[in-house]
Amino acid sequence: MVMLADPDAFITSRRQELLAEADGERLAALLPRRPSAARHSLALACYRLANWLDAPSRYVRVSEPGPENWASPWLSA
């Protein structure tokens, strides 16, 4: 917050900022408090994605060590 040279202008602009903030808070208070099914599903998907990004080994099968040649011996030339 920068103080303007004119204190009256500063007070006026600060008052407008506070009124806008109060109006936003008032509108937010009017929103319903119960969670919707869509928001719950989206939050669950985000939570699962975050878990997958943190530890993908729980979700992705890591290749097991084994022979390099996957072809059957009877198919080899």
PDB file of N, CA and C in Angstrom:
ATOM      1  N   MET A   1       0.851  -1.157   0.000  1.00  0.00           N
ATOM      2  CA  MET A   1       0.000   0.000   0.000  1.00  0.00           C
ATOM      3  C   MET A   1       0.905   1.230   0.000  1.00  0.00           C
ATOM      4  N   VAL A   2       0.708   2.095  -0.971  1.00  0.00           N
ATOM      5  CA  VAL A   2       1.505   3.304  -1.117  1.00  0.00           C
ATOM      6  C   VAL A   2       0.638   4.498  -0.744  1.00  0.00           C
ATOM      7  N   MET A   3       1.168   5.345   0.097  1.00  0.00           N
ATOM      8  CA  MET A   3       0.425   6.538   0.510  1.00  0.00           C
ATOM      9  C   MET A   3       0.551   7.582  -0.589  1.00  0.00           C
ATOM     10  N   LEU A   4      -0.587   8.057  -1.046  1.00  0.00           N
ATOM     11  CA  LEU A   4      -0.585   9.099  -2.067  1.00  0.00           C
ATOM     12  C   LEU A   4      -0.250  10.438  -1.414  1.00  0.00           C
ATOM     13  N   ALA A   5       0.097  11.400  -2.235  1.00  0.00           N
ATOM     14  CA  ALA A   5       0.461  12.717  -1.717  1.00  0.00           C
ATOM     15  C   ALA A   5      -0.737  13.392  -1.038  1.00  0.00           C
ATOM     16  N   ASP A   6      -1.915  13.157  -1.549  1.00  0.00           N
ATOM     17  CA  ASP A   6      -3.116  13.762  -0.984  1.00  0.00           C
ATOM     18  C   ASP A   6      -3.778  12.761  -0.034  1.00  0.00           C
ATOM     19  N   PRO A   7      -3.846  13.059   1.262  1.00  0.00           N
ATOM     20  CA  PRO A   7      -4.455  12.128   2.211  1.00  0.00           C
ATOM     21  C   PRO A   7      -5.925  11.844   1.912  1.00  0.00           C
ATOM     22  N   ASP A   8      -6.653  12.821   1.389  1.00  0.00           N
ATOM     23  CA  ASP A   8      -8.060  12.597   1.065  1.00  0.00           C
ATOM     24  C   ASP A   8      -8.198  11.558  -0.060  1.00  0.00           C
ATOM     25  N   ALA A   9      -7.322  11.629  -1.050  1.00  0.00           N
ATOM     26  CA  ALA A   9      -7.352  10.663  -2.148  1.00  0.00           C
ATOM     27  C   ALA A   9      -6.989   9.268  -1.630  1.00  0.00           C
ATOM     28  N   PHE A  10      -6.029   9.217  -0.713  1.00  0.00           N
ATOM     29  CA  PHE A  10      -5.631   7.939  -0.131  1.00  0.00           C
ATOM     30  C   PHE A  10      -6.801   7.322   0.645  1.00  0.00           C
ATOM     31  N   ILE A  11      -7.458   8.126   1.453  1.00  0.00           N
ATOM     32  CA  ILE A  11      -8.583   7.639   2.253  1.00  0.00           C
ATOM     33  C   ILE A  11      -9.718   7.175   1.344  1.00  0.00           C
ATOM     34  N   THR A  12      -9.975   7.924   0.298  1.00  0.00           N
ATOM     35  CA  THR A  12     -11.041   7.556  -0.640  1.00  0.00           C
ATOM     36  C   THR A  12     -10.727   6.240  -1.339  1.00  0.00           C
ATOM     37  N   SER A  13      -9.488   6.088  -1.826  1.00  0.00           N
ATOM     38  CA  SER A  13      -9.126   4.857  -2.535  1.00  0.00           C
ATOM     39  C   SER A  13      -9.103   3.662  -1.583  1.00  0.00           C
ATOM     40  N   ARG A  14      -8.628   3.876  -0.369  1.00  0.00           N
ATOM     41  CA  ARG A  14      -8.602   2.788   0.612  1.00  0.00           C
ATOM     42  C   ARG A  14     -10.026   2.371   0.994  1.00  0.00           C
ATOM     43  N   ARG A  15     -10.914   3.327   1.122  1.00  0.00           N
ATOM     44  CA  ARG A  15     -12.312   3.038   1.442  1.00  0.00           C
ATOM     45  C   ARG A  15     -12.949   2.218   0.325  1.00  0.00           C
ATOM     46  N   GLN A  16     -12.654   2.570  -0.929  1.00  0.00           N
ATOM     47  CA  GLN A  16     -13.198   1.818  -2.061  1.00  0.00           C
ATOM     48  C   GLN A  16     -12.662   0.381  -2.066  1.00  0.00           C
ATOM     49  N   GLU A  17     -11.389   0.214  -1.736  1.00  0.00           N
ATOM     50  CA  GLU A  17     -10.808  -1.129  -1.674  1.00  0.00           C
ATOM     51  C   GLU A  17     -11.495  -1.962  -0.590  1.00  0.00           C
ATOM     52  N   LEU A  18     -11.709  -1.365   0.577  1.00  0.00           N
ATOM     53  CA  LEU A  18     -12.350  -2.081   1.678  1.00  0.00           C
ATOM     54  C   LEU A  18     -13.805  -2.412   1.367  1.00  0.00           C
ATOM     55  N   LEU A  19     -14.508  -1.500   0.701  1.00  0.00           N
ATOM     56  CA  LEU A  19     -15.889  -1.769   0.310  1.00  0.00           C
ATOM     57  C   LEU A  19     -15.959  -2.916  -0.707  1.00  0.00           C
ATOM     58  N   ALA A  20     -15.034  -2.927  -1.649  1.00  0.00           N
ATOM     59  CA  ALA A  20     -14.999  -4.005  -2.646  1.00  0.00           C
ATOM     60  C   ALA A  20     -14.699  -5.344  -1.969  1.00  0.00           C
ATOM     61  N   GLU A  21     -13.778  -5.345  -1.013  1.00  0.00           N
ATOM     62  CA  GLU A  21     -13.453  -6.570  -0.284  1.00  0.00           C
ATOM     63  C   GLU A  21     -14.657  -7.048   0.540  1.00  0.00           C
ATOM     64  N   ALA A  22     -15.332  -6.119   1.192  1.00  0.00           N
ATOM     65  CA  ALA A  22     -16.514  -6.469   1.986  1.00  0.00           C
ATOM     66  C   ALA A  22     -17.627  -7.005   1.087  1.00  0.00           C
ATOM     67  N   ASP A  23     -17.778  -6.432  -0.093  1.00  0.00           N
ATOM     68  CA  ASP A  23     -18.792  -6.908  -1.029  1.00  0.00           C
ATOM     69  C   ASP A  23     -18.473  -8.331  -1.480  1.00  0.00           C
ATOM     70  N   GLY A  24     -17.198  -8.603  -1.742  1.00  0.00           N
ATOM     71  CA  GLY A  24     -16.786  -9.957  -2.115  1.00  0.00           C
ATOM     72  C   GLY A  24     -17.043 -10.953  -0.997  1.00  0.00           C
ATOM     73  N   GLU A  25     -16.758 -10.555   0.237  1.00  0.00           N
ATOM     74  CA  GLU A  25     -17.021 -11.426   1.383  1.00  0.00           C
ATOM     75  C   GLU A  25     -18.519 -11.674   1.550  1.00  0.00           C
ATOM     76  N   ARG A  26     -19.312 -10.656   1.306  1.00  0.00           N
ATOM     77  CA  ARG A  26     -20.761 -10.797   1.416  1.00  0.00           C
ATOM     78  C   ARG A  26     -21.282 -11.777   0.370  1.00  0.00           C
ATOM     79  N   LEU A  27     -20.782 -11.652  -0.851  1.00  0.00           N
ATOM     80  CA  LEU A  27     -21.203 -12.577  -1.904  1.00  0.00           C
ATOM     81  C   LEU A  27     -20.749 -14.011  -1.609  1.00  0.00           C
ATOM     82  N   ALA A  28     -19.554 -14.156  -1.071  1.00  0.00           N
ATOM     83  CA  ALA A  28     -19.057 -15.490  -0.729  1.00  0.00           C
ATOM     84  C   ALA A  28     -19.903 -16.117   0.371  1.00  0.00           C
ATOM     85  N   ALA A  29     -20.392 -15.303   1.287  1.00  0.00           N
ATOM     86  CA  ALA A  29     -21.233 -15.820   2.374  1.00  0.00           C
ATOM     87  C   ALA A  29     -22.588 -16.298   1.861  1.00  0.00           C
ATOM     88  N   LEU A  30     -23.010 -15.826   0.697  1.00  0.00           N
ATOM     89  CA  LEU A  30     -24.287 -16.243   0.137  1.00  0.00           C
ATOM     90  C   LEU A  30     -24.231 -17.606  -0.547  1.00  0.00           C
ATOM     91  N   LEU A  31     -23.032 -18.086  -0.838  1.00  0.00           N
ATOM     92  CA  LEU A  31     -22.891 -19.373  -1.517  1.00  0.00           C
ATOM     93  C   LEU A  31     -23.342 -20.507  -0.598  1.00  0.00           C
ATOM     94  N   PRO A  32     -23.908 -21.559  -1.170  1.00  0.00           N
ATOM     95  CA  PRO A  32     -24.338 -22.684  -0.337  1.00  0.00           C
ATOM     96  C   PRO A  32     -23.129 -23.368   0.299  1.00  0.00           C
ATOM     97  N   ARG A  33     -23.311 -23.835   1.513  1.00  0.00           N
ATOM     98  CA  ARG A  33     -22.216 -24.451   2.262  1.00  0.00           C
ATOM     99  C   ARG A  33     -22.065 -25.948   1.989  1.00  0.00           C
ATOM    100  N   ARG A  34     -23.116 -26.593   1.528  1.00  0.00           N
ATOM    101  CA  ARG A  34     -23.023 -28.034   1.326  1.00  0.00           C
ATOM    102  C   ARG A  34     -22.211 -28.332   0.062  1.00  0.00           C
ATOM    103  N   PRO A  35     -21.336 -29.313   0.131  1.00  0.00           N
ATOM    104  CA  PRO A  35     -20.516 -29.641  -1.039  1.00  0.00           C
ATOM    105  C   PRO A  35     -21.343 -30.365  -2.096  1.00  0.00           C
ATOM    106  N   SER A  36     -21.079 -30.087  -3.336  1.00  0.00           N
ATOM    107  CA  SER A  36     -21.787 -30.749  -4.425  1.00  0.00           C
ATOM    108  C   SER A  36     -21.053 -32.038  -4.796  1.00  0.00           C
ATOM    109  N   ALA A  37     -21.749 -32.924  -5.453  1.00  0.00           N
ATOM    110  CA  ALA A  37     -21.155 -34.201  -5.869  1.00  0.00           C
ATOM    111  C   ALA A  37     -20.037 -33.971  -6.887  1.00  0.00           C
ATOM    112  N   ALA A  38     -20.228 -32.991  -7.762  1.00  0.00           N
ATOM    113  CA  ALA A  38     -19.199 -32.710  -8.781  1.00  0.00           C
ATOM    114  C   ALA A  38     -17.924 -32.195  -8.124  1.00  0.00           C
ATOM    115  N   ARG A  39     -18.072 -31.298  -7.146  1.00  0.00           N
ATOM    116  CA  ARG A  39     -16.878 -30.780  -6.463  1.00  0.00           C
ATOM    117  C   ARG A  39     -16.180 -31.885  -5.694  1.00  0.00           C
ATOM    118  N   HIS A  40     -16.971 -32.778  -5.079  1.00  0.00           N
ATOM    119  CA  HIS A  40     -16.383 -33.889  -4.343  1.00  0.00           C
ATOM    120  C   HIS A  40     -15.624 -34.824  -5.278  1.00  0.00           C
ATOM    121  N   SER A  41     -16.211 -35.140  -6.426  1.00  0.00           N
ATOM    122  CA  SER A  41     -15.558 -36.016  -7.405  1.00  0.00           C
ATOM    123  C   SER A  41     -14.281 -35.381  -7.947  1.00  0.00           C
ATOM    124  N   LEU A  42     -14.343 -34.088  -8.215  1.00  0.00           N
ATOM    125  CA  LEU A  42     -13.157 -33.391  -8.715  1.00  0.00           C
ATOM    126  C   LEU A  42     -12.056 -33.363  -7.658  1.00  0.00           C
ATOM    127  N   ALA A  43     -12.422 -33.110  -6.408  1.00  0.00           N
ATOM    128  CA  ALA A  43     -11.429 -33.101  -5.331  1.00  0.00           C
ATOM    129  C   ALA A  43     -10.810 -34.481  -5.157  1.00  0.00           C
ATOM    130  N   LEU A  44     -11.619 -35.536  -5.258  1.00  0.00           N
ATOM    131  CA  LEU A  44     -11.114 -36.892  -5.146  1.00  0.00           C
ATOM    132  C   LEU A  44     -10.152 -37.214  -6.287  1.00  0.00           C
ATOM    133  N   ALA A  45     -10.493 -36.792  -7.497  1.00  0.00           N
ATOM    134  CA  ALA A  45      -9.609 -37.026  -8.648  1.00  0.00           C
ATOM    135  C   ALA A  45      -8.283 -36.282  -8.479  1.00  0.00           C
ATOM    136  N   CYS A  46      -8.338 -35.056  -7.993  1.00  0.00           N
ATOM    137  CA  CYS A  46      -7.108 -34.287  -7.763  1.00  0.00           C
ATOM    138  C   CYS A  46      -6.255 -34.941  -6.683  1.00  0.00           C
ATOM    139  N   TYR A  47      -6.914 -35.433  -5.634  1.00  0.00           N
ATOM    140  CA  TYR A  47      -6.194 -36.103  -4.553  1.00  0.00           C
ATOM    141  C   TYR A  47      -5.505 -37.367  -5.070  1.00  0.00           C
ATOM    142  N   ARG A  48      -6.213 -38.151  -5.889  1.00  0.00           N
ATOM    143  CA  ARG A  48      -5.609 -39.364  -6.453  1.00  0.00           C
ATOM    144  C   ARG A  48      -4.458 -39.037  -7.396  1.00  0.00           C
ATOM    145  N   LEU A  49      -4.614 -37.979  -8.184  1.00  0.00           N
ATOM    146  CA  LEU A  49      -3.531 -37.567  -9.083  1.00  0.00           C
ATOM    147  C   LEU A  49      -2.303 -37.139  -8.286  1.00  0.00           C
ATOM    148  N   ALA A  50      -2.518 -36.395  -7.206  1.00  0.00           N
ATOM    149  CA  ALA A  50      -1.396 -35.966  -6.374  1.00  0.00           C
ATOM    150  C   ALA A  50      -0.690 -37.166  -5.755  1.00  0.00           C
ATOM    151  N   ASN A  51      -1.461 -38.154  -5.304  1.00  0.00           N
ATOM    152  CA  ASN A  51      -0.853 -39.364  -4.746  1.00  0.00           C
ATOM    153  C   ASN A  51      -0.061 -40.112  -5.806  1.00  0.00           C
ATOM    154  N   TRP A  52      -0.610 -40.177  -7.024  1.00  0.00           N
ATOM    155  CA  TRP A  52       0.095 -40.867  -8.097  1.00  0.00           C
ATOM    156  C   TRP A  52       1.396 -40.156  -8.450  1.00  0.00           C
ATOM    157  N   LEU A  53       1.369 -38.826  -8.462  1.00  0.00           N
ATOM    158  CA  LEU A  53       2.582 -38.070  -8.773  1.00  0.00           C
ATOM    159  C   LEU A  53       3.623 -38.225  -7.677  1.00  0.00           C
ATOM    160  N   ASP A  54       3.180 -38.379  -6.425  1.00  0.00           N
ATOM    161  CA  ASP A  54       4.117 -38.545  -5.309  1.00  0.00           C
ATOM    162  C   ASP A  54       4.738 -39.933  -5.298  1.00  0.00           C
ATOM    163  N   ALA A  55       3.965 -40.963  -5.632  1.00  0.00           N
ATOM    164  CA  ALA A  55       4.468 -42.338  -5.569  1.00  0.00           C
ATOM    165  C   ALA A  55       3.860 -43.167  -6.690  1.00  0.00           C
ATOM    166  N   PRO A  56       4.357 -43.012  -7.918  1.00  0.00           N
ATOM    167  CA  PRO A  56       3.765 -43.759  -9.032  1.00  0.00           C
ATOM    168  C   PRO A  56       4.002 -45.262  -8.936  1.00  0.00           C
ATOM    169  N   SER A  57       4.942 -45.711  -8.119  1.00  0.00           N
ATOM    170  CA  SER A  57       5.211 -47.148  -8.031  1.00  0.00           C
ATOM    171  C   SER A  57       4.028 -47.913  -7.458  1.00  0.00           C
ATOM    172  N   ARG A  58       3.154 -47.224  -6.711  1.00  0.00           N
ATOM    173  CA  ARG A  58       1.974 -47.902  -6.174  1.00  0.00           C
ATOM    174  C   ARG A  58       0.926 -48.130  -7.256  1.00  0.00           C
ATOM    175  N   TYR A  59       0.990 -47.390  -8.356  1.00  0.00           N
ATOM    176  CA  TYR A  59      -0.030 -47.465  -9.392  1.00  0.00           C
ATOM    177  C   TYR A  59       0.471 -48.052 -10.700  1.00  0.00           C
ATOM    178  N   VAL A  60       1.756 -47.936 -10.955  1.00  0.00           N
ATOM    179  CA  VAL A  60       2.332 -48.401 -12.208  1.00  0.00           C
ATOM    180  C   VAL A  60       3.209 -49.601 -11.907  1.00  0.00           C
ATOM    181  N   ARG A  61       2.985 -50.659 -12.648  1.00  0.00           N
ATOM    182  CA  ARG A  61       3.796 -51.854 -12.437  1.00  0.00           C
ATOM    183  C   ARG A  61       5.188 -51.627 -13.004  1.00  0.00           C
ATOM    184  N   VAL A  62       6.176 -51.832 -12.157  1.00  0.00           N
ATOM    185  CA  VAL A  62       7.567 -51.683 -12.571  1.00  0.00           C
ATOM    186  C   VAL A  62       7.987 -52.978 -13.238  1.00  0.00           C
ATOM    187  N   SER A  63       8.720 -52.864 -14.338  1.00  0.00           N
ATOM    188  CA  SER A  63       9.145 -54.065 -15.040  1.00  0.00           C
ATOM    189  C   SER A  63      10.069 -54.882 -14.144  1.00  0.00           C
ATOM    190  N   GLU A  64       9.859 -56.172 -14.182  1.00  0.00           N
ATOM    191  CA  GLU A  64      10.662 -57.066 -13.360  1.00  0.00           C
ATOM    192  C   GLU A  64      11.941 -57.416 -14.107  1.00  0.00           C
ATOM    193  N   PRO A  65      13.019 -57.590 -13.356  1.00  0.00           N
ATOM    194  CA  PRO A  65      14.258 -57.981 -14.036  1.00  0.00           C
ATOM    195  C   PRO A  65      14.109 -59.382 -14.625  1.00  0.00           C
ATOM    196  N   GLY A  66      14.630 -59.561 -15.777  1.00  0.00           N
ATOM    197  CA  GLY A  66      14.531 -60.864 -16.441  1.00  0.00           C
ATOM    198  C   GLY A  66      15.394 -60.890 -17.677  1.00  0.00           C
ATOM    199  N   PRO A  67      15.231 -61.916 -18.474  1.00  0.00           N
ATOM    200  CA  PRO A  67      16.057 -62.000 -19.680  1.00  0.00           C
ATOM    201  C   PRO A  67      15.740 -60.874 -20.652  1.00  0.00           C
ATOM    202  N   GLU A  68      16.762 -60.426 -21.325  1.00  0.00           N
ATOM    203  CA  GLU A  68      16.618 -59.336 -22.281  1.00  0.00           C
ATOM    204  C   GLU A  68      15.851 -59.778 -23.517  1.00  0.00           C
ATOM    205  N   ASN A  69      16.026 -61.034 -23.939  1.00  0.00           N
ATOM    206  CA  ASN A  69      15.375 -61.550 -25.137  1.00  0.00           C
ATOM    207  C   ASN A  69      14.007 -62.090 -24.739  1.00  0.00           C
ATOM    208  N   TRP A  70      12.956 -61.456 -25.197  1.00  0.00           N
ATOM    209  CA  TRP A  70      11.609 -61.878 -24.820  1.00  0.00           C
ATOM    210  C   TRP A  70      11.048 -62.950 -25.753  1.00  0.00           C
ATOM    211  N   ALA A  71      11.701 -63.161 -26.861  1.00  0.00           N
ATOM    212  CA  ALA A  71      11.213 -64.148 -27.829  1.00  0.00           C
ATOM    213  C   ALA A  71      11.432 -65.557 -27.275  1.00  0.00           C
ATOM    214  N   SER A  72      10.483 -66.419 -27.586  1.00  0.00           N
ATOM    215  CA  SER A  72      10.610 -67.812 -27.146  1.00  0.00           C
ATOM    216  C   SER A  72      11.798 -68.461 -27.840  1.00  0.00           C
ATOM    217  N   PRO A  73      12.431 -69.427 -27.179  1.00  0.00           N
ATOM    218  CA  PRO A  73      13.590 -70.077 -27.825  1.00  0.00           C
ATOM    219  C   PRO A  73      13.203 -70.774 -29.129  1.00  0.00           C
ATOM    220  N   TRP A  74      11.992 -71.294 -29.223  1.00  0.00           N
ATOM    221  CA  TRP A  74      11.610 -71.993 -30.453  1.00  0.00           C
ATOM    222  C   TRP A  74      11.306 -71.040 -31.596  1.00  0.00           C
ATOM    223  N   LEU A  75      11.160 -69.710 -31.293  1.00  0.00           N
ATOM    224  CA  LEU A  75      10.968 -68.729 -32.360  1.00  0.00           C
ATOM    225  C   LEU A  75      12.274 -68.131 -32.830  1.00  0.00           C
ATOM    226  N   SER A  76      13.341 -68.340 -32.090  1.00  0.00           N
ATOM    227  CA  SER A  76      14.624 -67.745 -32.464  1.00  0.00           C
ATOM    228  C   SER A  76      15.146 -68.401 -33.739  1.00  0.00           C
ATOM    229  N   ALA A  77      15.833 -67.631 -34.541  1.00  0.00           N
ATOM    230  CA  ALA A  77      16.362 -68.147 -35.788  1.00  0.00           C
ATOM    231  C   ALA A  77      17.733 -68.709 -35.597  1.00  0.00           C
TER     232      ALA A  77
END
